[in-house]
Amino acid sequence: MSEIKKRSITIAGHRTSVSLEGPFWDALAGIAKEQNVSLAALVAELDADRVKSGVTSGLSSALRVYILRYYSEGAGAGAATSTKSSQTGRVSKSKTR
């Protein structure tokens, strides 16, 4: 079992703590790098989408679901895809490597 790691991130000008297992932090950092955005910017965007769409789960849960969907829909597998997370509405594109 992976250990929970807590990180502080600024979202909409406010510091907040987010707790995720190490592999989820690694995956989120990889997604941010693929999309050429900072980790903080990606988390802030996903949080804004979560709130806007009325999702009532916590941010950590929403991030785990986003990561799972991102990779299960092929966006992180190097295929040319366009995916839309039903939880956040965020569209993610990746290029063939």
PDB file of N, CA and C in Angstrom:
ATOM      1  N   MET A   1       0.835  -1.171   0.000  1.00  0.00           N
ATOM      2  CA  MET A   1       0.000   0.000   0.000  1.00  0.00           C
ATOM      3  C   MET A   1       0.883   1.238   0.000  1.00  0.00           C
ATOM      4  N   SER A   2       0.517   2.226  -0.760  1.00  0.00           N
ATOM      5  CA  SER A   2       1.316   3.440  -0.874  1.00  0.00           C
ATOM      6  C   SER A   2       0.951   4.440   0.227  1.00  0.00           C
ATOM      7  N   GLU A   3       1.939   5.156   0.670  1.00  0.00           N
ATOM      8  CA  GLU A   3       1.747   6.135   1.731  1.00  0.00           C
ATOM      9  C   GLU A   3       1.090   7.406   1.191  1.00  0.00           C
ATOM     10  N   ILE A   4       0.191   7.972   1.996  1.00  0.00           N
ATOM     11  CA  ILE A   4      -0.466   9.230   1.646  1.00  0.00           C
ATOM     12  C   ILE A   4       0.543  10.370   1.815  1.00  0.00           C
ATOM     13  N   LYS A   5       0.600  11.238   0.809  1.00  0.00           N
ATOM     14  CA  LYS A   5       1.462  12.416   0.869  1.00  0.00           C
ATOM     15  C   LYS A   5       0.575  13.653   0.784  1.00  0.00           C
ATOM     16  N   LYS A   6       0.798  14.571   1.689  1.00  0.00           N
ATOM     17  CA  LYS A   6       0.021  15.804   1.729  1.00  0.00           C
ATOM     18  C   LYS A   6       0.863  16.938   1.159  1.00  0.00           C
ATOM     19  N   ARG A   7       0.267  17.701   0.239  1.00  0.00           N
ATOM     20  CA  ARG A   7       0.957  18.854  -0.350  1.00  0.00           C
ATOM     21  C   ARG A   7       0.062  20.077  -0.258  1.00  0.00           C
ATOM     22  N   SER A   8       0.682  21.229  -0.101  1.00  0.00           N
ATOM     23  CA  SER A   8      -0.052  22.485  -0.096  1.00  0.00           C
ATOM     24  C   SER A   8      -0.019  23.085  -1.488  1.00  0.00           C
ATOM     25  N   ILE A   9      -1.179  23.498  -1.965  1.00  0.00           N
ATOM     26  CA  ILE A   9      -1.318  24.078  -3.299  1.00  0.00           C
ATOM     27  C   ILE A   9      -2.165  25.330  -3.179  1.00  0.00           C
ATOM     28  N   THR A  10      -1.820  26.349  -3.953  1.00  0.00           N
ATOM     29  CA  THR A  10      -2.624  27.563  -3.981  1.00  0.00           C
ATOM     30  C   THR A  10      -3.674  27.443  -5.071  1.00  0.00           C
ATOM     31  N   ILE A  11      -4.934  27.574  -4.670  1.00  0.00           N
ATOM     32  CA  ILE A  11      -6.063  27.517  -5.591  1.00  0.00           C
ATOM     33  C   ILE A  11      -6.883  28.786  -5.391  1.00  0.00           C
ATOM     34  N   ALA A  12      -7.047  29.546  -6.453  1.00  0.00           N
ATOM     35  CA  ALA A  12      -7.811  30.799  -6.407  1.00  0.00           C
ATOM     36  C   ALA A  12      -7.319  31.709  -5.279  1.00  0.00           C
ATOM     37  N   GLY A  13      -5.999  31.759  -5.119  1.00  0.00           N
ATOM     38  CA  GLY A  13      -5.405  32.654  -4.133  1.00  0.00           C
ATOM     39  C   GLY A  13      -5.404  32.141  -2.707  1.00  0.00           C
ATOM     40  N   HIS A  14      -5.878  30.925  -2.488  1.00  0.00           N
ATOM     41  CA  HIS A  14      -5.929  30.352  -1.142  1.00  0.00           C
ATOM     42  C   HIS A  14      -5.108  29.076  -1.091  1.00  0.00           C
ATOM     43  N   ARG A  15      -4.330  28.927  -0.010  1.00  0.00           N
ATOM     44  CA  ARG A  15      -3.551  27.700   0.185  1.00  0.00           C
ATOM     45  C   ARG A  15      -4.480  26.617   0.701  1.00  0.00           C
ATOM     46  N   THR A  16      -4.362  25.445   0.146  1.00  0.00           N
ATOM     47  CA  THR A  16      -5.128  24.298   0.599  1.00  0.00           C
ATOM     48  C   THR A  16      -4.231  23.071   0.583  1.00  0.00           C
ATOM     49  N   SER A  17      -4.536  22.111   1.416  1.00  0.00           N
ATOM     50  CA  SER A  17      -3.777  20.870   1.468  1.00  0.00           C
ATOM     51  C   SER A  17      -4.525  19.800   0.695  1.00  0.00           C
ATOM     52  N   VAL A  18      -3.779  19.038  -0.076  1.00  0.00           N
ATOM     53  CA  VAL A  18      -4.338  17.934  -0.843  1.00  0.00           C
ATOM     54  C   VAL A  18      -3.568  16.680  -0.458  1.00  0.00           C
ATOM     55  N   SER A  19      -4.312  15.631  -0.122  1.00  0.00           N
ATOM     56  CA  SER A  19      -3.700  14.358   0.267  1.00  0.00           C
ATOM     57  C   SER A  19      -3.956  13.310  -0.806  1.00  0.00           C
ATOM     58  N   LEU A  20      -2.878  12.759  -1.347  1.00  0.00           N
ATOM     59  CA  LEU A  20      -2.951  11.696  -2.347  1.00  0.00           C
ATOM     60  C   LEU A  20      -1.821  10.709  -2.099  1.00  0.00           C
ATOM     61  N   GLU A  21      -2.001   9.492  -2.549  1.00  0.00           N
ATOM     62  CA  GLU A  21      -0.933   8.511  -2.510  1.00  0.00           C
ATOM     63  C   GLU A  21       0.152   8.920  -3.506  1.00  0.00           C
ATOM     64  N   GLY A  22       1.391   8.521  -3.212  1.00  0.00           N
ATOM     65  CA  GLY A  22       2.525   8.882  -4.059  1.00  0.00           C
ATOM     66  C   GLY A  22       2.318   8.618  -5.543  1.00  0.00           C
ATOM     67  N   PRO A  23       1.833   7.423  -5.929  1.00  0.00           N
ATOM     68  CA  PRO A  23       1.635   7.166  -7.358  1.00  0.00           C
ATOM     69  C   PRO A  23       0.636   8.120  -8.021  1.00  0.00           C
ATOM     70  N   PHE A  24      -0.347   8.592  -7.263  1.00  0.00           N
ATOM     71  CA  PHE A  24      -1.282   9.564  -7.829  1.00  0.00           C
ATOM     72  C   PHE A  24      -0.603  10.917  -8.044  1.00  0.00           C
ATOM     73  N   TRP A  25       0.260  11.327  -7.098  1.00  0.00           N
ATOM     74  CA  TRP A  25       1.017  12.566  -7.300  1.00  0.00           C
ATOM     75  C   TRP A  25       1.909  12.447  -8.531  1.00  0.00           C
ATOM     76  N   ASP A  26       2.554  11.287  -8.685  1.00  0.00           N
ATOM     77  CA  ASP A  26       3.427  11.059  -9.844  1.00  0.00           C
ATOM     78  C   ASP A  26       2.624  11.138 -11.143  1.00  0.00           C
ATOM     79  N   ALA A  27       1.452  10.498 -11.149  1.00  0.00           N
ATOM     80  CA  ALA A  27       0.602  10.507 -12.348  1.00  0.00           C
ATOM     81  C   ALA A  27       0.124  11.913 -12.662  1.00  0.00           C
ATOM     82  N   LEU A  28      -0.273  12.649 -11.632  1.00  0.00           N
ATOM     83  CA  LEU A  28      -0.754  14.016 -11.841  1.00  0.00           C
ATOM     84  C   LEU A  28       0.359  14.910 -12.383  1.00  0.00           C
ATOM     85  N   ALA A  29       1.570  14.735 -11.861  1.00  0.00           N
ATOM     86  CA  ALA A  29       2.717  15.504 -12.363  1.00  0.00           C
ATOM     87  C   ALA A  29       2.997  15.151 -13.821  1.00  0.00           C
ATOM     88  N   GLY A  30       2.860  13.874 -14.170  1.00  0.00           N
ATOM     89  CA  GLY A  30       3.057  13.453 -15.552  1.00  0.00           C
ATOM     90  C   GLY A  30       2.024  14.053 -16.492  1.00  0.00           C
ATOM     91  N   ILE A  31       0.775  14.108 -16.053  1.00  0.00           N
ATOM     92  CA  ILE A  31      -0.291  14.712 -16.864  1.00  0.00           C
ATOM     93  C   ILE A  31      -0.012  16.192 -17.056  1.00  0.00           C
ATOM     94  N   ALA A  32       0.366  16.874 -15.983  1.00  0.00           N
ATOM     95  CA  ALA A  32       0.674  18.305 -16.075  1.00  0.00           C
ATOM     96  C   ALA A  32       1.811  18.547 -17.061  1.00  0.00           C
ATOM     97  N   LYS A  33       2.834  17.705 -17.005  1.00  0.00           N
ATOM     98  CA  LYS A  33       3.969  17.840 -17.917  1.00  0.00           C
ATOM     99  C   LYS A  33       3.536  17.613 -19.362  1.00  0.00           C
ATOM    100  N   GLU A  34       2.719  16.562 -19.600  1.00  0.00           N
ATOM    101  CA  GLU A  34       2.216  16.293 -20.949  1.00  0.00           C
ATOM    102  C   GLU A  34       1.415  17.469 -21.500  1.00  0.00           C
ATOM    103  N   GLN A  35       0.696  18.147 -20.613  1.00  0.00           N
ATOM    104  CA  GLN A  35      -0.154  19.260 -21.043  1.00  0.00           C
ATOM    105  C   GLN A  35       0.556  20.606 -20.951  1.00  0.00           C
ATOM    106  N   ASN A  36       1.837  20.566 -20.546  1.00  0.00           N
ATOM    107  CA  ASN A  36       2.663  21.763 -20.479  1.00  0.00           C
ATOM    108  C   ASN A  36       2.076  22.831 -19.548  1.00  0.00           C
ATOM    109  N   VAL A  37       1.597  22.387 -18.390  1.00  0.00           N
ATOM    110  CA  VAL A  37       1.099  23.293 -17.352  1.00  0.00           C
ATOM    111  C   VAL A  37       1.736  22.883 -16.033  1.00  0.00           C
ATOM    112  N   SER A  38       1.715  23.780 -15.073  1.00  0.00           N
ATOM    113  CA  SER A  38       2.243  23.431 -13.753  1.00  0.00           C
ATOM    114  C   SER A  38       1.255  22.521 -13.035  1.00  0.00           C
ATOM    115  N   LEU A  39       1.767  21.783 -12.076  1.00  0.00           N
ATOM    116  CA  LEU A  39       0.913  20.920 -11.272  1.00  0.00           C
ATOM    117  C   LEU A  39      -0.162  21.746 -10.572  1.00  0.00           C
ATOM    118  N   ALA A  40       0.236  22.887 -10.014  1.00  0.00           N
ATOM    119  CA  ALA A  40      -0.722  23.752  -9.321  1.00  0.00           C
ATOM    120  C   ALA A  40      -1.809  24.260 -10.266  1.00  0.00           C
ATOM    121  N   ALA A  41      -1.424  24.617 -11.487  1.00  0.00           N
ATOM    122  CA  ALA A  41      -2.406  25.103 -12.457  1.00  0.00           C
ATOM    123  C   ALA A  41      -3.393  24.009 -12.846  1.00  0.00           C
ATOM    124  N   LEU A  42      -2.895  22.797 -13.025  1.00  0.00           N
ATOM    125  CA  LEU A  42      -3.765  21.677 -13.366  1.00  0.00           C
ATOM    126  C   LEU A  42      -4.757  21.405 -12.235  1.00  0.00           C
ATOM    127  N   VAL A  43      -4.258  21.341 -11.003  1.00  0.00           N
ATOM    128  CA  VAL A  43      -5.134  21.087  -9.854  1.00  0.00           C
ATOM    129  C   VAL A  43      -6.158  22.205  -9.704  1.00  0.00           C
ATOM    130  N   ALA A  44      -5.731  23.446  -9.870  1.00  0.00           N
ATOM    131  CA  ALA A  44      -6.663  24.573  -9.760  1.00  0.00           C
ATOM    132  C   ALA A  44      -7.755  24.494 -10.824  1.00  0.00           C
ATOM    133  N   GLU A  45      -7.379  24.127 -12.043  1.00  0.00           N
ATOM    134  CA  GLU A  45      -8.365  24.009 -13.118  1.00  0.00           C
ATOM    135  C   GLU A  45      -9.352  22.874 -12.842  1.00  0.00           C
ATOM    136  N   LEU A  46      -8.833  21.747 -12.388  1.00  0.00           N
ATOM    137  CA  LEU A  46      -9.704  20.621 -12.078  1.00  0.00           C
ATOM    138  C   LEU A  46     -10.638  20.949 -10.919  1.00  0.00           C
ATOM    139  N   ASP A  47     -10.132  21.682  -9.932  1.00  0.00           N
ATOM    140  CA  ASP A  47     -10.976  22.079  -8.808  1.00  0.00           C
ATOM    141  C   ASP A  47     -12.077  23.028  -9.263  1.00  0.00           C
ATOM    142  N   ALA A  48     -11.736  23.994 -10.103  1.00  0.00           N
ATOM    143  CA  ALA A  48     -12.743  24.929 -10.613  1.00  0.00           C
ATOM    144  C   ALA A  48     -13.812  24.189 -11.414  1.00  0.00           C
ATOM    145  N   ASP A  49     -13.385  23.244 -12.246  1.00  0.00           N
ATOM    146  CA  ASP A  49     -14.333  22.442 -13.025  1.00  0.00           C
ATOM    147  C   ASP A  49     -15.223  21.605 -12.107  1.00  0.00           C
ATOM    148  N   ARG A  50     -14.630  21.063 -11.041  1.00  0.00           N
ATOM    149  CA  ARG A  50     -15.375  20.244 -10.079  1.00  0.00           C
ATOM    150  C   ARG A  50     -16.464  21.071  -9.406  1.00  0.00           C
ATOM    151  N   VAL A  51     -16.111  22.248  -8.956  1.00  0.00           N
ATOM    152  CA  VAL A  51     -17.070  23.120  -8.282  1.00  0.00           C
ATOM    153  C   VAL A  51     -18.152  23.578  -9.258  1.00  0.00           C
ATOM    154  N   LYS A  52     -17.735  23.984 -10.455  1.00  0.00           N
ATOM    155  CA  LYS A  52     -18.672  24.467 -11.472  1.00  0.00           C
ATOM    156  C   LYS A  52     -19.694  23.402 -11.862  1.00  0.00           C
ATOM    157  N   SER A  53     -19.238  22.149 -11.931  1.00  0.00           N
ATOM    158  CA  SER A  53     -20.135  21.071 -12.353  1.00  0.00           C
ATOM    159  C   SER A  53     -20.989  20.530 -11.202  1.00  0.00           C
ATOM    160  N   GLY A  54     -20.759  21.023  -9.997  1.00  0.00           N
ATOM    161  CA  GLY A  54     -21.579  20.615  -8.864  1.00  0.00           C
ATOM    162  C   GLY A  54     -21.176  19.294  -8.229  1.00  0.00           C
ATOM    163  N   VAL A  55     -19.981  18.816  -8.543  1.00  0.00           N
ATOM    164  CA  VAL A  55     -19.499  17.573  -7.939  1.00  0.00           C
ATOM    165  C   VAL A  55     -19.313  17.809  -6.444  1.00  0.00           C
ATOM    166  N   THR A  56     -19.856  16.910  -5.644  1.00  0.00           N
ATOM    167  CA  THR A  56     -19.808  17.108  -4.192  1.00  0.00           C
ATOM    168  C   THR A  56     -18.678  16.354  -3.504  1.00  0.00           C
ATOM    169  N   SER A  57     -17.959  15.512  -4.241  1.00  0.00           N
ATOM    170  CA  SER A  57     -16.836  14.796  -3.623  1.00  0.00           C
ATOM    171  C   SER A  57     -15.702  15.779  -3.337  1.00  0.00           C
ATOM    172  N   GLY A  58     -14.814  15.383  -2.460  1.00  0.00           N
ATOM    173  CA  GLY A  58     -13.673  16.219  -2.133  1.00  0.00           C
ATOM    174  C   GLY A  58     -12.682  16.305  -3.282  1.00  0.00           C
ATOM    175  N   LEU A  59     -11.769  17.255  -3.176  1.00  0.00           N
ATOM    176  CA  LEU A  59     -10.787  17.477  -4.231  1.00  0.00           C
ATOM    177  C   LEU A  59      -9.899  16.252  -4.435  1.00  0.00           C
ATOM    178  N   SER A  60      -9.426  15.644  -3.369  1.00  0.00           N
ATOM    179  CA  SER A  60      -8.554  14.472  -3.513  1.00  0.00           C
ATOM    180  C   SER A  60      -9.257  13.356  -4.279  1.00  0.00           C
ATOM    181  N   SER A  61     -10.505  13.110  -3.950  1.00  0.00           N
ATOM    182  CA  SER A  61     -11.274  12.071  -4.658  1.00  0.00           C
ATOM    183  C   SER A  61     -11.450  12.437  -6.122  1.00  0.00           C
ATOM    184  N   ALA A  62     -11.762  13.701  -6.385  1.00  0.00           N
ATOM    185  CA  ALA A  62     -11.951  14.153  -7.763  1.00  0.00           C
ATOM    186  C   ALA A  62     -10.662  13.996  -8.567  1.00  0.00           C
ATOM    187  N   LEU A  63      -9.520  14.267  -7.946  1.00  0.00           N
ATOM    188  CA  LEU A  63      -8.236  14.105  -8.634  1.00  0.00           C
ATOM    189  C   LEU A  63      -7.963  12.644  -8.952  1.00  0.00           C
ATOM    190  N   ARG A  64      -8.241  11.754  -8.018  1.00  0.00           N
ATOM    191  CA  ARG A  64      -8.032  10.318  -8.271  1.00  0.00           C
ATOM    192  C   ARG A  64      -8.892   9.841  -9.442  1.00  0.00           C
ATOM    193  N   VAL A  65     -10.157  10.258  -9.460  1.00  0.00           N
ATOM    194  CA  VAL A  65     -11.069   9.859 -10.537  1.00  0.00           C
ATOM    195  C   VAL A  65     -10.581  10.426 -11.870  1.00  0.00           C
ATOM    196  N   TYR A  66     -10.146  11.678 -11.878  1.00  0.00           N
ATOM    197  CA  TYR A  66      -9.643  12.297 -13.099  1.00  0.00           C
ATOM    198  C   TYR A  66      -8.433  11.516 -13.634  1.00  0.00           C
ATOM    199  N   ILE A  67      -7.497  11.182 -12.756  1.00  0.00           N
ATOM    200  CA  ILE A  67      -6.292  10.453 -13.166  1.00  0.00           C
ATOM    201  C   ILE A  67      -6.672   9.084 -13.725  1.00  0.00           C
ATOM    202  N   LEU A  68      -7.546   8.392 -13.033  1.00  0.00           N
ATOM    203  CA  LEU A  68      -7.982   7.073 -13.496  1.00  0.00           C
ATOM    204  C   LEU A  68      -8.611   7.169 -14.881  1.00  0.00           C
ATOM    205  N   ARG A  69      -9.499   8.116 -15.066  1.00  0.00           N
ATOM    206  CA  ARG A  69     -10.157   8.279 -16.365  1.00  0.00           C
ATOM    207  C   ARG A  69      -9.171   8.730 -17.440  1.00  0.00           C
ATOM    208  N   TYR A  70      -8.265   9.598 -17.086  1.00  0.00           N
ATOM    209  CA  TYR A  70      -7.282  10.095 -18.040  1.00  0.00           C
ATOM    210  C   TYR A  70      -6.494   8.942 -18.646  1.00  0.00           C
ATOM    211  N   TYR A  71      -6.008   8.064 -17.787  1.00  0.00           N
ATOM    212  CA  TYR A  71      -5.194   6.955 -18.282  1.00  0.00           C
ATOM    213  C   TYR A  71      -6.035   5.811 -18.842  1.00  0.00           C
ATOM    214  N   SER A  72      -7.203   5.556 -18.285  1.00  0.00           N
ATOM    215  CA  SER A  72      -8.019   4.453 -18.800  1.00  0.00           C
ATOM    216  C   SER A  72      -8.631   4.780 -20.159  1.00  0.00           C
ATOM    217  N   GLU A  73      -8.780   6.067 -20.467  1.00  0.00           N
ATOM    218  CA  GLU A  73      -9.315   6.472 -21.764  1.00  0.00           C
ATOM    219  C   GLU A  73      -8.215   6.659 -22.794  1.00  0.00           C
ATOM    220  N   GLY A  74      -6.973   6.349 -22.434  1.00  0.00           N
ATOM    221  CA  GLY A  74      -5.885   6.351 -23.395  1.00  0.00           C
ATOM    222  C   GLY A  74      -5.129   7.645 -23.558  1.00  0.00           C
ATOM    223  N   ALA A  75      -5.506   8.695 -22.863  1.00  0.00           N
ATOM    224  CA  ALA A  75      -4.839   9.982 -23.051  1.00  0.00           C
ATOM    225  C   ALA A  75      -3.379   9.928 -22.636  1.00  0.00           C
ATOM    226  N   GLY A  76      -3.052   9.107 -21.654  1.00  0.00           N
ATOM    227  CA  GLY A  76      -1.682   9.031 -21.193  1.00  0.00           C
ATOM    228  C   GLY A  76      -0.889   7.918 -21.846  1.00  0.00           C
ATOM    229  N   ALA A  77      -1.477   7.211 -22.774  1.00  0.00           N
ATOM    230  CA  ALA A  77      -0.814   6.061 -23.382  1.00  0.00           C
ATOM    231  C   ALA A  77      -0.058   6.420 -24.659  1.00  0.00           C
ATOM    232  N   GLY A  78      -0.016   7.711 -25.009  1.00  0.00           N
ATOM    233  CA  GLY A  78       0.716   8.125 -26.197  1.00  0.00           C
ATOM    234  C   GLY A  78      -0.120   8.094 -27.460  1.00  0.00           C
ATOM    235  N   ALA A  79      -1.353   7.666 -27.378  1.00  0.00           N
ATOM    236  CA  ALA A  79      -2.226   7.640 -28.553  1.00  0.00           C
ATOM    237  C   ALA A  79      -2.769   9.040 -28.804  1.00  0.00           C
ATOM    238  N   ALA A  80      -3.064   9.343 -30.050  1.00  0.00           N
ATOM    239  CA  ALA A  80      -3.672  10.638 -30.367  1.00  0.00           C
ATOM    240  C   ALA A  80      -5.135  10.558 -29.986  1.00  0.00           C
ATOM    241  N   THR A  81      -5.461  11.156 -28.862  1.00  0.00           N
ATOM    242  CA  THR A  81      -6.827  11.087 -28.371  1.00  0.00           C
ATOM    243  C   THR A  81      -7.283  12.419 -27.834  1.00  0.00           C
ATOM    244  N   SER A  82      -8.557  12.552 -27.721  1.00  0.00           N
ATOM    245  CA  SER A  82      -9.154  13.689 -27.045  1.00  0.00           C
ATOM    246  C   SER A  82     -10.161  13.109 -26.076  1.00  0.00           C
ATOM    247  N   THR A  83      -9.956  13.345 -24.796  1.00  0.00           N
ATOM    248  CA  THR A  83     -10.856  12.793 -23.809  1.00  0.00           C
ATOM    249  C   THR A  83     -11.516  13.915 -23.031  1.00  0.00           C
ATOM    250  N   LYS A  84     -12.718  13.637 -22.560  1.00  0.00           N
ATOM    251  CA  LYS A  84     -13.421  14.602 -21.739  1.00  0.00           C
ATOM    252  C   LYS A  84     -13.843  13.897 -20.466  1.00  0.00           C
ATOM    253  N   SER A  85     -13.369  14.382 -19.340  1.00  0.00           N
ATOM    254  CA  SER A  85     -13.726  13.792 -18.072  1.00  0.00           C
ATOM    255  C   SER A  85     -15.158  14.152 -17.748  1.00  0.00           C
ATOM    256  N   SER A  86     -15.988  13.154 -17.485  1.00  0.00           N
ATOM    257  CA  SER A  86     -17.375  13.433 -17.141  1.00  0.00           C
ATOM    258  C   SER A  86     -17.465  14.062 -15.764  1.00  0.00           C
ATOM    259  N   GLN A  87     -16.446  13.896 -14.931  1.00  0.00           N
ATOM    260  CA  GLN A  87     -16.492  14.497 -13.611  1.00  0.00           C
ATOM    261  C   GLN A  87     -16.099  15.963 -13.661  1.00  0.00           C
ATOM    262  N   THR A  88     -15.110  16.320 -14.459  1.00  0.00           N
ATOM    263  CA  THR A  88     -14.640  17.694 -14.454  1.00  0.00           C
ATOM    264  C   THR A  88     -14.976  18.450 -15.725  1.00  0.00           C
ATOM    265  N   GLY A  89     -15.269  17.732 -16.800  1.00  0.00           N
ATOM    266  CA  GLY A  89     -15.526  18.396 -18.076  1.00  0.00           C
ATOM    267  C   GLY A  89     -14.264  18.813 -18.795  1.00  0.00           C
ATOM    268  N   ARG A  90     -13.099  18.572 -18.201  1.00  0.00           N
ATOM    269  CA  ARG A  90     -11.824  18.990 -18.783  1.00  0.00           C
ATOM    270  C   ARG A  90     -11.511  18.119 -19.987  1.00  0.00           C
ATOM    271  N   VAL A  91     -11.145  18.753 -21.066  1.00  0.00           N
ATOM    272  CA  VAL A  91     -10.739  18.026 -22.270  1.00  0.00           C
ATOM    273  C   VAL A  91      -9.232  17.934 -22.259  1.00  0.00           C
ATOM    274  N   SER A  92      -8.732  16.732 -22.434  1.00  0.00           N
ATOM    275  CA  SER A  92      -7.294  16.499 -22.449  1.00  0.00           C
ATOM    276  C   SER A  92      -6.892  15.883 -23.763  1.00  0.00           C
ATOM    277  N   LYS A  93      -5.834  16.392 -24.360  1.00  0.00           N
ATOM    278  CA  LYS A  93      -5.343  15.844 -25.620  1.00  0.00           C
ATOM    279  C   LYS A  93      -3.900  15.426 -25.445  1.00  0.00           C
ATOM    280  N   SER A  94      -3.562  14.361 -26.093  1.00  0.00           N
ATOM    281  CA  SER A  94      -2.160  13.962 -26.129  1.00  0.00           C
ATOM    282  C   SER A  94      -1.794  13.604 -27.550  1.00  0.00           C
ATOM    283  N   LYS A  95      -0.506  13.643 -27.838  1.00  0.00           N
ATOM    284  CA  LYS A  95      -0.021  13.376 -29.189  1.00  0.00           C
ATOM    285  C   LYS A  95       0.612  12.006 -29.243  1.00  0.00           C
ATOM    286  N   THR A  96       0.623  11.441 -30.411  1.00  0.00           N
ATOM    287  CA  THR A  96       1.318  10.183 -30.616  1.00  0.00           C
ATOM    288  C   THR A  96       2.811  10.416 -30.462  1.00  0.00           C
ATOM    289  N   ARG A  97       3.462   9.548 -29.710  1.00  0.00           N
ATOM    290  CA  ARG A  97       4.910   9.715 -29.471  1.00  0.00           C
ATOM    291  C   ARG A  97       5.695   8.862 -30.382  1.00  0.00           C
TER     292      ARG A  97
END
